[in-house]
Protein backbone atom coordinates (compact mmCIF):
# COMPACT_ATOMS: atom_id res chain seq x y z
CA UNK A 1 -165.94 50.62 -71.65
CA UNK A 2 -168.09 48.70 -69.16
CA UNK A 3 -171.21 46.83 -70.29
CA UNK A 4 -174.49 48.27 -69.16
CA UNK A 5 -176.32 45.17 -67.92
CA UNK A 6 -179.44 47.27 -67.49
CA UNK A 7 -179.70 47.26 -71.29
CA UNK A 8 -181.56 44.14 -72.60
CA UNK A 9 -179.25 43.93 -75.63
CA UNK A 10 -176.12 43.72 -73.49
CA UNK A 11 -177.81 41.22 -71.19
CA UNK A 12 -178.46 38.99 -74.23
CA UNK A 13 -174.85 39.33 -75.46
CA UNK A 14 -173.48 38.62 -71.97
CA UNK A 15 -175.59 35.47 -71.54
CA UNK A 16 -174.75 34.24 -75.06
CA UNK A 17 -171.00 34.67 -74.57
CA UNK A 18 -171.10 32.96 -71.17
CA UNK A 19 -173.04 30.05 -72.66
CA UNK A 20 -170.49 29.56 -75.44
CA UNK A 21 -167.63 29.71 -72.94
CA UNK A 22 -169.33 27.10 -70.78
CA UNK A 23 -169.80 24.76 -73.73
CA UNK A 24 -166.16 25.09 -74.78
CA UNK A 25 -164.96 24.42 -71.23
CA UNK A 26 -167.03 21.24 -71.02
CA UNK A 27 -166.09 20.02 -74.55
CA UNK A 28 -169.75 20.15 -75.61
CA UNK A 29 -169.33 22.55 -78.52
CA UNK A 30 -169.81 20.23 -81.47
CA UNK A 31 -168.77 21.00 -85.01
CA UNK A 32 -171.73 19.41 -86.79
CA UNK A 33 -174.43 19.91 -84.22
CA UNK A 34 -174.87 16.12 -84.07
CA UNK A 35 -172.74 15.36 -81.04
CA UNK A 36 -169.42 14.91 -82.87
CA UNK A 37 -166.25 16.78 -81.89
CA UNK A 38 -162.97 17.17 -83.84
CA UNK A 39 -159.88 15.03 -83.25
CA UNK A 40 -156.87 13.63 -85.09
CA UNK A 41 -156.86 10.03 -86.28
CA UNK A 42 -153.81 7.89 -87.04
CA UNK A 43 -153.17 4.15 -87.17
CA UNK A 44 -150.45 1.76 -86.03
CA UNK A 45 -149.24 -1.78 -86.48
CA UNK A 46 -150.14 -3.99 -89.43
CA UNK A 47 -152.38 -2.38 -92.07
CA UNK A 48 -154.99 -5.05 -91.41
CA UNK A 49 -153.93 -5.70 -87.84
CA UNK A 50 -155.81 -5.65 -84.55
CA UNK A 51 -153.71 -3.17 -82.58
CA UNK A 52 -153.07 -3.84 -78.90
CA UNK A 53 -154.73 -4.12 -75.51
CA UNK A 54 -151.42 -3.63 -73.74
CA UNK A 55 -151.95 -0.53 -71.60
CA UNK A 56 -155.38 -1.79 -70.50
CA UNK A 57 -154.19 -5.30 -69.66
CA UNK A 58 -156.11 -7.07 -72.40
CA UNK A 59 -153.09 -8.15 -74.49
CA UNK A 60 -154.08 -9.95 -77.69
CA UNK A 61 -157.76 -10.31 -76.78
CA UNK A 62 -158.39 -7.34 -79.08
CA UNK A 63 -157.97 -9.68 -82.06
CA UNK A 64 -161.04 -11.73 -81.18
CA UNK A 65 -164.76 -11.00 -80.87
CA UNK A 66 -166.31 -8.91 -79.53
CA UNK A 67 -163.46 -6.39 -80.02
CA UNK A 68 -162.67 -7.89 -83.45
CA UNK A 69 -159.79 -5.42 -83.99
CA UNK A 70 -162.15 -2.43 -83.84
CA UNK A 71 -160.08 -0.65 -81.20
CA UNK A 72 -158.06 2.49 -80.65
CA UNK A 73 -155.36 3.85 -78.38
CA UNK A 74 -156.21 7.23 -76.89
CA UNK A 75 -154.05 10.14 -75.84
CA UNK A 76 -154.07 11.47 -72.27
CA UNK A 77 -157.51 13.11 -72.46
CA UNK A 78 -159.04 9.88 -73.76
CA UNK A 79 -157.03 7.21 -71.92
CA UNK A 80 -157.43 9.10 -68.61
CA UNK A 81 -154.62 7.21 -66.85
CA UNK A 82 -156.46 3.96 -67.52
CA UNK A 83 -159.93 5.16 -66.52
CA UNK A 84 -160.75 5.40 -70.24
CA UNK A 85 -160.11 1.69 -70.81
CA UNK A 86 -163.30 0.15 -72.18
CA UNK A 87 -164.88 3.45 -73.23
CA UNK A 88 -166.52 3.29 -76.65
CA UNK A 89 -166.65 5.94 -79.36
CA UNK A 90 -168.10 6.49 -82.79
CA UNK A 91 -165.47 7.84 -85.18
CA UNK A 92 -165.79 9.04 -88.76
CA UNK A 93 -163.84 11.01 -91.34
CA UNK A 94 -165.00 13.04 -94.31
CA UNK A 95 -161.93 13.55 -96.49
CA UNK A 96 -162.81 12.83 -100.10
CA UNK A 97 -162.57 10.52 -101.94
CA UNK A 98 -161.27 8.26 -99.19
CA UNK A 99 -163.72 8.49 -96.30
CA UNK A 100 -167.23 7.06 -96.24
CA UNK A 101 -168.44 9.61 -93.64
CA UNK A 102 -170.18 6.70 -91.88
CA UNK A 103 -169.23 6.29 -88.21
CA UNK A 104 -167.48 3.19 -86.92
CA UNK A 105 -167.52 2.08 -83.27
CA UNK A 106 -164.23 1.49 -81.44
CA UNK A 107 -163.23 0.59 -77.89
CA UNK A 108 -160.30 2.23 -76.10
CA UNK A 109 -157.87 -0.59 -75.29
CA UNK A 110 -154.48 1.13 -75.18
CA UNK A 111 -152.67 4.42 -74.62
CA UNK A 112 -151.09 6.67 -77.25
CA UNK A 113 -148.44 8.69 -75.35
CA UNK A 114 -145.84 11.25 -76.38
CA UNK A 115 -146.57 13.12 -79.61
CA UNK A 116 -150.20 12.02 -79.51
CA UNK A 117 -150.64 14.72 -76.87
CA UNK A 118 -149.61 17.49 -79.26
CA UNK A 119 -153.31 17.86 -80.07
CA UNK A 120 -156.21 17.89 -77.57
CA UNK A 121 -157.79 14.62 -78.74
CA UNK A 122 -155.95 11.93 -80.69
CA UNK A 123 -157.16 8.42 -81.57
CA UNK A 124 -154.48 5.98 -82.78
CA UNK A 125 -156.56 3.24 -84.39
CA UNK A 126 -155.70 -0.29 -85.36
CA UNK A 127 -155.05 -0.71 -89.07
CA UNK A 128 -158.34 -2.57 -89.36
CA UNK A 129 -160.37 0.16 -87.64
CA UNK A 130 -158.71 2.97 -89.60
CA UNK A 131 -159.47 1.23 -92.88
CA UNK A 132 -163.09 0.70 -91.79
CA UNK A 133 -163.68 4.47 -92.13
CA UNK A 134 -162.99 4.27 -95.86
CA UNK A 135 -165.19 4.09 -98.92
CA UNK A 136 -165.17 0.69 -100.67
CA UNK A 137 -161.79 0.13 -102.30
CA UNK A 138 -160.21 3.12 -100.57
CA UNK A 139 -158.95 1.54 -97.32
CA UNK A 140 -155.32 1.27 -98.42
CA UNK A 141 -155.37 4.78 -99.89
CA UNK A 142 -156.78 6.14 -96.64
CA UNK A 143 -154.11 4.36 -94.60
CA UNK A 144 -151.44 5.73 -96.93
CA UNK A 145 -152.35 9.22 -95.75
CA UNK A 146 -151.01 8.24 -92.32
CA UNK A 147 -153.34 10.59 -90.52
CA UNK A 148 -156.67 12.27 -91.13
CA UNK A 149 -158.93 14.72 -89.35
CA UNK A 150 -161.76 12.81 -87.70
CA UNK A 151 -164.87 13.46 -85.66
CA UNK A 152 -165.79 11.48 -82.58
CA UNK A 153 -168.46 11.11 -79.93
CA UNK A 154 -168.77 8.93 -76.86
CA UNK A 155 -171.37 6.16 -77.18
CA UNK A 156 -172.47 3.11 -75.22
CA UNK A 157 -170.56 -0.09 -75.78
CA UNK A 158 -172.37 -3.02 -77.28
CA UNK A 159 -170.89 -6.52 -77.19
CA UNK A 160 -173.99 -8.52 -78.00
CA UNK A 161 -174.24 -11.70 -75.94
CA UNK A 162 -170.67 -11.46 -74.62
CA UNK A 163 -170.67 -11.13 -70.83
CA UNK A 164 -168.19 -9.44 -68.51
CA UNK A 165 -164.95 -11.42 -68.34
CA UNK A 166 -162.06 -11.64 -65.87
CA UNK A 167 -158.55 -12.07 -67.29
CA UNK A 168 -156.49 -13.30 -64.34
CA UNK A 169 -153.07 -11.68 -64.00
CA UNK A 170 -150.25 -14.17 -64.57
CA UNK A 171 -148.57 -13.07 -61.30
CA UNK A 172 -151.62 -13.90 -59.15
CA UNK A 173 -150.71 -16.03 -56.12
CA UNK A 174 -152.27 -17.09 -52.77
CA UNK A 175 -151.43 -13.67 -51.27
CA UNK A 176 -152.14 -11.35 -54.19
CA UNK A 177 -154.99 -11.46 -56.71
CA UNK A 178 -155.32 -9.29 -59.80
CA UNK A 179 -157.55 -9.36 -62.83
CA UNK A 180 -158.16 -7.30 -65.95
CA UNK A 181 -161.90 -6.83 -66.45
CA UNK A 182 -163.21 -6.97 -70.00
CA UNK A 183 -166.38 -6.41 -72.00
CA UNK A 184 -168.26 -4.28 -69.47
CA UNK A 185 -171.08 -3.32 -71.81
CA UNK A 186 -172.97 -0.03 -72.08
CA UNK A 187 -171.10 2.62 -70.03
CA UNK A 188 -167.65 1.15 -70.53
CA UNK A 189 -165.02 1.37 -67.79
CA UNK A 190 -165.65 0.85 -64.08
CA UNK A 191 -166.01 3.17 -61.12
CA UNK A 192 -165.30 0.53 -58.48
CA UNK A 193 -164.74 -3.22 -58.09
CA UNK A 194 -165.19 -5.37 -54.98
CA UNK A 195 -164.32 -9.02 -54.45
CA UNK A 196 -165.75 -11.72 -52.18
CA UNK A 197 -164.37 -15.21 -51.67
CA UNK A 198 -166.42 -18.37 -51.36
CA UNK A 199 -166.15 -18.68 -47.61
CA UNK A 200 -166.94 -15.05 -46.63
CA UNK A 201 -169.48 -13.57 -49.08
CA UNK A 202 -168.34 -10.20 -47.73
CA UNK A 203 -167.24 -7.85 -50.47
CA UNK A 204 -164.00 -5.92 -50.00
CA UNK A 205 -162.72 -3.13 -52.28
CA UNK A 206 -160.18 -3.80 -55.00
CA UNK A 207 -157.68 -1.20 -56.21
CA UNK A 208 -157.28 -0.12 -59.83
CA UNK A 209 -153.50 -0.43 -60.26
CA UNK A 210 -153.21 0.26 -64.00
CA UNK A 211 -155.37 0.17 -67.10
CA UNK A 212 -158.34 -2.12 -66.51
CA UNK A 213 -156.44 -4.21 -63.93
CA UNK A 214 -157.79 -4.39 -60.37
CA UNK A 215 -156.01 -6.04 -57.44
CA UNK A 216 -156.60 -7.11 -53.85
CA UNK A 217 -154.34 -8.45 -51.14
CA UNK A 218 -155.63 -11.88 -50.10
CA UNK A 219 -154.47 -14.82 -48.03
CA UNK A 220 -154.83 -18.59 -48.41
CA UNK A 221 -157.95 -18.63 -46.23
CA UNK A 222 -159.74 -16.57 -48.89
CA UNK A 223 -160.16 -18.87 -51.84
CA UNK A 224 -162.11 -19.23 -55.06
CA UNK A 225 -164.68 -19.26 -56.38
CA UNK A 226 -164.55 -15.44 -56.35
CA UNK A 227 -167.52 -13.15 -56.86
CA UNK A 228 -167.33 -9.50 -57.87
CA UNK A 229 -169.51 -6.46 -57.33
CA UNK A 230 -168.98 -3.98 -60.16
CA UNK A 231 -170.11 -0.36 -60.30
CA UNK A 232 -170.22 1.48 -63.64
CA UNK A 233 -169.26 5.15 -64.07
CA UNK A 234 -172.97 6.03 -64.01
CA UNK A 235 -173.63 4.09 -60.81
CA UNK A 236 -175.15 0.89 -62.20
CA UNK A 237 -174.26 -2.16 -60.09
CA UNK A 238 -174.02 -5.83 -61.06
CA UNK A 239 -172.78 -8.84 -59.11
CA UNK A 240 -170.84 -11.53 -60.96
CA UNK A 241 -171.37 -14.52 -58.69
CA UNK A 242 -168.66 -17.21 -58.68
CA UNK A 243 -167.20 -15.71 -61.84
CA UNK A 244 -163.70 -17.04 -61.15
CA UNK A 245 -163.94 -20.76 -60.29
CA UNK A 246 -162.13 -22.92 -57.78
CA UNK A 247 -158.88 -24.10 -59.32
CA UNK A 248 -158.60 -21.12 -61.64
CA UNK A 249 -155.38 -20.73 -63.63
CA UNK A 250 -153.46 -17.42 -63.68
CA UNK A 251 -153.31 -16.06 -67.22
CA UNK A 252 -156.69 -17.53 -68.19
CA UNK A 253 -159.91 -15.62 -68.87
CA UNK A 254 -163.21 -16.52 -67.21
CA UNK A 255 -166.60 -15.28 -68.35
CA UNK A 256 -169.38 -14.32 -65.96
CA UNK A 257 -173.11 -14.56 -66.58
CA UNK A 258 -173.80 -10.83 -66.17
CA UNK A 259 -173.47 -7.51 -67.91
CA UNK A 260 -174.66 -3.98 -67.26
């Protein structure tokens, strides 16, 4: 039977159904009406450990402030082939008597592949972050569950006074420069990165090769200090002038004086 769209009642039903379908397609249909969506939460590593920054290129930096072990690995729809590196989320659970129902804030620093993609959205938290969802005295009991239904929402990152940092790839040489970019506040992640050497001041595009690592082909005539022009996913632009100094050491991290 065809709908009679001349009838106001059917017009209302048609519009309502289309609206719901649109919300589902855009992942904006929230369970609690407060911006949170359902996901699965697990944890890995040491029960009180920091997790890893491996797939984003941040290695053990996740142990120290401002990450302070409050991190998570995301499945494909969260990690986004590395574009999700640096995105921040509030996460909470409500299972009694273990969960506090208070949201914690985590940064995506790694990928959770394989079975993590058996559900649409899966956060594999550090042991520390997973336990932080618990009521007082219940952290170990919560971790003993292994997994728990959670709710999440995307939020702005906040790293206090910590500025954007450049972790120089250990393989960097006079002909090839690469850096993992950390602590890009607010939006999280980066849309584009450009580099300029001291003797040109002309910015050239860098390529995102994996995780939060960006690279550029250079030559010995282009030398440090290096400046960077960074564009956030929402189009905000900052310039980190002379962020990587002359005589920089591959493998070291250098902090800029800027943030978004």
